[in-house]
Amino acid sequence: MEENRRFSDNNDGTVTDSRTGLIWAREDTWQKESRWVTWDEAKEYAQTFCTNRFAGRGDWRLPTIREAQSLYDDTQRNKDKYGNEIHLDPVFPEGPQATIWCDEGSSGNEGYTLDLRTGKVGVLFKSKCPRMAGRAVSGEWSPAS
């Protein structure tokens, strides 16, 4: 059964999604740094992954809305930082923030978020809404046939 899993832990702080070809950071900003972030801080966080060549890769960024939505799976159960249920594959460790920033809406003052409890995309004021997290992603979407 393990061979059929969609997500696989690469044992280097990353998780590969066999359906999209994307590589995700196992932990979000809350898990790695115990802090919530604004959209700008989430962008900077992903940039540090590039600078540090995390897991040997230099193309880390925040996910697009579509990429972030690909993490949401209502058949999966995990727990957020408060112990509440979120729909994120359990290959990702328990304890992330339930809401993550997306890298669309970068012009203007509003940014998009994805709620892993509901799968809904929301819009928030980028610089004044710090109770979100950033989760870095690497690679390009290339759905498996």
C-alpha atoms as a PDB file:
ATOM      1  CA  MET A   1       0.000   0.000   0.000  1.00  0.00           C
ATOM      2  CA  GLU A   2       2.890   2.383   0.743  1.00  0.00           C
ATOM      3  CA  GLU A   3       3.887   2.326  -2.951  1.00  0.00           C
ATOM      4  CA  ASN A   4       0.537   3.892  -3.874  1.00  0.00           C
ATOM      5  CA  ARG A   5       0.891   6.890  -1.586  1.00  0.00           C
ATOM      6  CA  ARG A   6       0.588  10.222  -3.308  1.00  0.00           C
ATOM      7  CA  PHE A   7       3.093  12.005  -1.061  1.00  0.00           C
ATOM      8  CA  SER A   8       6.501  10.661  -0.122  1.00  0.00           C
ATOM      9  CA  ASP A   9       8.867  11.917   2.547  1.00  0.00           C
ATOM     10  CA  ASN A  10      12.282  12.586   1.001  1.00  0.00           C
ATOM     11  CA  ASN A  11      13.968  12.530   4.441  1.00  0.00           C
ATOM     12  CA  ASP A  12      15.567  15.928   3.789  1.00  0.00           C
ATOM     13  CA  GLY A  13      12.797  18.203   5.057  1.00  0.00           C
ATOM     14  CA  THR A  14      10.791  17.881   1.847  1.00  0.00           C
ATOM     15  CA  VAL A  15       7.833  15.900   0.553  1.00  0.00           C
ATOM     16  CA  THR A  16       7.276  14.994  -3.113  1.00  0.00           C
ATOM     17  CA  ASP A  17       3.769  14.938  -4.593  1.00  0.00           C
ATOM     18  CA  SER A  18       3.603  12.207  -7.244  1.00  0.00           C
ATOM     19  CA  ARG A  19       0.382  13.651  -8.670  1.00  0.00           C
ATOM     20  CA  THR A  20       1.703  17.157  -9.389  1.00  0.00           C
ATOM     21  CA  GLY A  21       5.469  16.685  -9.376  1.00  0.00           C
ATOM     22  CA  LEU A  22       5.827  19.481  -6.809  1.00  0.00           C
ATOM     23  CA  ILE A  23       8.221  19.303  -3.881  1.00  0.00           C
ATOM     24  CA  TRP A  24       6.918  20.793  -0.628  1.00  0.00           C
ATOM     25  CA  ALA A  25       8.652  21.840   2.578  1.00  0.00           C
ATOM     26  CA  ARG A  26       7.470  19.362   5.239  1.00  0.00           C
ATOM     27  CA  GLU A  27       6.981  22.178   7.749  1.00  0.00           C
ATOM     28  CA  ASP A  28       5.434  25.614   7.470  1.00  0.00           C
ATOM     29  CA  THR A  29       6.688  28.835   9.065  1.00  0.00           C
ATOM     30  CA  TRP A  30       4.817  28.098  12.299  1.00  0.00           C
ATOM     31  CA  GLN A  31       6.448  24.686  12.682  1.00  0.00           C
ATOM     32  CA  LYS A  32       9.958  25.827  11.755  1.00  0.00           C
ATOM     33  CA  GLU A  33      10.046  29.208  13.473  1.00  0.00           C
ATOM     34  CA  SER A  34       7.074  29.260  15.893  1.00  0.00           C
ATOM     35  CA  ARG A  35       5.703  32.388  14.281  1.00  0.00           C
ATOM     36  CA  TRP A  36       2.839  33.526  12.133  1.00  0.00           C
ATOM     37  CA  VAL A  37       3.709  35.612   9.116  1.00  0.00           C
ATOM     38  CA  THR A  38       2.305  38.291   6.856  1.00  0.00           C
ATOM     39  CA  TRP A  39       2.294  37.698   3.092  1.00  0.00           C
ATOM     40  CA  ASP A  40       5.545  39.673   2.703  1.00  0.00           C
ATOM     41  CA  GLU A  41       7.224  37.674   5.464  1.00  0.00           C
ATOM     42  CA  ALA A  42       6.042  34.415   3.873  1.00  0.00           C
ATOM     43  CA  LYS A  43       7.614  35.510   0.570  1.00  0.00           C
ATOM     44  CA  GLU A  44      10.875  36.333   2.367  1.00  0.00           C
ATOM     45  CA  TYR A  45      10.751  32.965   4.136  1.00  0.00           C
ATOM     46  CA  ALA A  46      10.489  31.104   0.812  1.00  0.00           C
ATOM     47  CA  GLN A  47      13.331  33.237  -0.564  1.00  0.00           C
ATOM     48  CA  THR A  48      15.607  32.112   2.277  1.00  0.00           C
ATOM     49  CA  PHE A  49      15.054  28.531   1.109  1.00  0.00           C
ATOM     50  CA  CYS A  50      16.444  29.602  -2.293  1.00  0.00           C
ATOM     51  CA  THR A  51      19.365  31.477  -0.771  1.00  0.00           C
ATOM     52  CA  ASN A  52      20.249  28.523   1.448  1.00  0.00           C
ATOM     53  CA  ARG A  53      19.575  26.012  -1.363  1.00  0.00           C
ATOM     54  CA  PHE A  54      17.341  24.015   0.968  1.00  0.00           C
ATOM     55  CA  ALA A  55      17.390  20.317  -0.010  1.00  0.00           C
ATOM     56  CA  GLY A  56      19.785  21.259  -2.818  1.00  0.00           C
ATOM     57  CA  ARG A  57      17.190  23.329  -4.679  1.00  0.00           C
ATOM     58  CA  GLY A  58      17.199  27.001  -5.616  1.00  0.00           C
ATOM     59  CA  ASP A  59      13.658  27.453  -6.926  1.00  0.00           C
ATOM     60  CA  TRP A  60      11.629  27.701  -3.705  1.00  0.00           C
ATOM     61  CA  ARG A  61       8.620  30.039  -3.612  1.00  0.00           C
ATOM     62  CA  LEU A  62       5.119  30.367  -2.216  1.00  0.00           C
ATOM     63  CA  PRO A  63       2.540  28.203  -3.992  1.00  0.00           C
ATOM     64  CA  THR A  64      -0.007  29.473  -6.476  1.00  0.00           C
ATOM     65  CA  ILE A  65      -3.651  29.089  -5.470  1.00  0.00           C
ATOM     66  CA  ARG A  66      -3.947  25.957  -7.617  1.00  0.00           C
ATOM     67  CA  GLU A  67      -0.802  24.454  -6.084  1.00  0.00           C
ATOM     68  CA  ALA A  68      -1.940  25.221  -2.539  1.00  0.00           C
ATOM     69  CA  GLN A  69      -5.374  23.751  -3.277  1.00  0.00           C
ATOM     70  CA  SER A  70      -3.659  20.534  -4.374  1.00  0.00           C
ATOM     71  CA  LEU A  71      -2.581  20.010  -0.740  1.00  0.00           C
ATOM     72  CA  TYR A  72      -6.186  20.006   0.468  1.00  0.00           C
ATOM     73  CA  ASP A  73      -7.709  16.509   0.455  1.00  0.00           C
ATOM     74  CA  ASP A  74     -10.944  15.954   2.381  1.00  0.00           C
ATOM     75  CA  THR A  75     -10.156  12.231   2.687  1.00  0.00           C
ATOM     76  CA  GLN A  76      -6.989  12.975   4.680  1.00  0.00           C
ATOM     77  CA  ARG A  77      -6.800  13.826   8.366  1.00  0.00           C
ATOM     78  CA  ASN A  78      -4.091  15.753  10.166  1.00  0.00           C
ATOM     79  CA  LYS A  79      -4.003  18.187  13.123  1.00  0.00           C
ATOM     80  CA  ASP A  80      -3.187  21.890  13.087  1.00  0.00           C
ATOM     81  CA  LYS A  81      -1.248  23.725  15.799  1.00  0.00           C
ATOM     82  CA  TYR A  82      -4.370  23.787  17.999  1.00  0.00           C
ATOM     83  CA  GLY A  83      -5.146  20.081  17.570  1.00  0.00           C
ATOM     84  CA  ASN A  84      -8.050  20.796  15.203  1.00  0.00           C
ATOM     85  CA  GLU A  85      -8.624  18.659  12.143  1.00  0.00           C
ATOM     86  CA  ILE A  86      -7.184  19.799   8.829  1.00  0.00           C
ATOM     87  CA  HIS A  87      -7.237  17.993   5.505  1.00  0.00           C
ATOM     88  CA  LEU A  88      -3.540  17.572   4.810  1.00  0.00           C
ATOM     89  CA  ASP A  89      -1.830  14.253   4.163  1.00  0.00           C
ATOM     90  CA  PRO A  90      -0.296  12.869   7.379  1.00  0.00           C
ATOM     91  CA  VAL A  91       3.113  12.572   5.679  1.00  0.00           C
ATOM     92  CA  PHE A  92       3.307  16.241   6.738  1.00  0.00           C
ATOM     93  CA  PRO A  93       3.918  16.489  10.498  1.00  0.00           C
ATOM     94  CA  GLU A  94       1.107  17.543  12.807  1.00  0.00           C
ATOM     95  CA  GLY A  95       1.041  21.103  14.092  1.00  0.00           C
ATOM     96  CA  PRO A  96       1.033  23.490  11.125  1.00  0.00           C
ATOM     97  CA  GLN A  97      -1.038  26.626  10.891  1.00  0.00           C
ATOM     98  CA  ALA A  98      -4.366  25.799   9.184  1.00  0.00           C
ATOM     99  CA  THR A  99      -4.180  28.752   6.778  1.00  0.00           C
ATOM    100  CA  ILE A 100      -1.341  29.356   4.313  1.00  0.00           C
ATOM    101  CA  TRP A 101      -0.490  32.243   2.000  1.00  0.00           C
ATOM    102  CA  CYS A 102      -0.556  31.837  -1.779  1.00  0.00           C
ATOM    103  CA  ASP A 103       1.609  33.767  -4.227  1.00  0.00           C
ATOM    104  CA  GLU A 104      -1.180  35.245  -6.300  1.00  0.00           C
ATOM    105  CA  GLY A 105      -2.665  38.634  -5.711  1.00  0.00           C
ATOM    106  CA  SER A 106       0.818  40.050  -5.347  1.00  0.00           C
ATOM    107  CA  SER A 107      -0.195  43.403  -6.794  1.00  0.00           C
ATOM    108  CA  GLY A 108      -2.166  45.638  -4.489  1.00  0.00           C
ATOM    109  CA  ASN A 109      -2.809  45.192  -0.792  1.00  0.00           C
ATOM    110  CA  GLU A 110      -4.703  41.895  -0.786  1.00  0.00           C
ATOM    111  CA  GLY A 111      -3.321  38.390  -0.845  1.00  0.00           C
ATOM    112  CA  TYR A 112      -4.880  34.954  -1.157  1.00  0.00           C
ATOM    113  CA  THR A 113      -4.900  32.269   1.492  1.00  0.00           C
ATOM    114  CA  LEU A 114      -5.950  28.627   1.565  1.00  0.00           C
ATOM    115  CA  ASP A 115      -7.663  27.190   4.623  1.00  0.00           C
ATOM    116  CA  LEU A 116      -6.686  23.527   5.090  1.00  0.00           C
ATOM    117  CA  ARG A 117      -9.745  22.988   7.310  1.00  0.00           C
ATOM    118  CA  THR A 118     -12.242  23.789   4.567  1.00  0.00           C
ATOM    119  CA  GLY A 119     -10.322  24.006   1.289  1.00  0.00           C
ATOM    120  CA  LYS A 120     -11.609  27.542   0.784  1.00  0.00           C
ATOM    121  CA  VAL A 121      -9.547  30.328  -0.712  1.00  0.00           C
ATOM    122  CA  GLY A 122      -9.811  33.683   1.028  1.00  0.00           C
ATOM    123  CA  VAL A 123      -8.540  37.215   0.503  1.00  0.00           C
ATOM    124  CA  LEU A 124      -6.810  39.190   3.248  1.00  0.00           C
ATOM    125  CA  PHE A 125      -4.844  42.398   3.649  1.00  0.00           C
ATOM    126  CA  LYS A 126      -1.278  41.182   3.000  1.00  0.00           C
ATOM    127  CA  SER A 127       0.668  43.330   5.404  1.00  0.00           C
ATOM    128  CA  LYS A 128      -1.734  43.440   8.336  1.00  0.00           C
ATOM    129  CA  CYS A 129      -2.864  39.803   8.632  1.00  0.00           C
ATOM    130  CA  PRO A 130      -0.040  37.971  10.347  1.00  0.00           C
ATOM    131  CA  ARG A 131      -1.948  34.946  11.656  1.00  0.00           C
ATOM    132  CA  MET A 132      -1.131  32.880   8.594  1.00  0.00           C
ATOM    133  CA  ALA A 133       1.774  30.646   7.633  1.00  0.00           C
ATOM    134  CA  GLY A 134       3.946  30.188   4.609  1.00  0.00           C
ATOM    135  CA  ARG A 135       4.774  26.789   3.156  1.00  0.00           C
ATOM    136  CA  ALA A 136       7.477  26.761   0.501  1.00  0.00           C
ATOM    137  CA  VAL A 137       7.137  24.752  -2.701  1.00  0.00           C
ATOM    138  CA  SER A 138       9.646  23.882  -5.394  1.00  0.00           C
ATOM    139  CA  GLY A 139       9.358  22.673  -8.973  1.00  0.00           C
ATOM    140  CA  GLU A 140       6.741  23.063 -11.662  1.00  0.00           C
ATOM    141  CA  TRP A 141       3.312  21.490 -11.838  1.00  0.00           C
ATOM    142  CA  SER A 142       3.544  18.470 -14.097  1.00  0.00           C
ATOM    143  CA  PRO A 143       0.564  16.196 -13.449  1.00  0.00           C
ATOM    144  CA  ALA A 144       1.280  12.489 -13.687  1.00  0.00           C
ATOM    145  CA  SER A 145      -0.573  10.768 -16.500  1.00  0.00           C
END
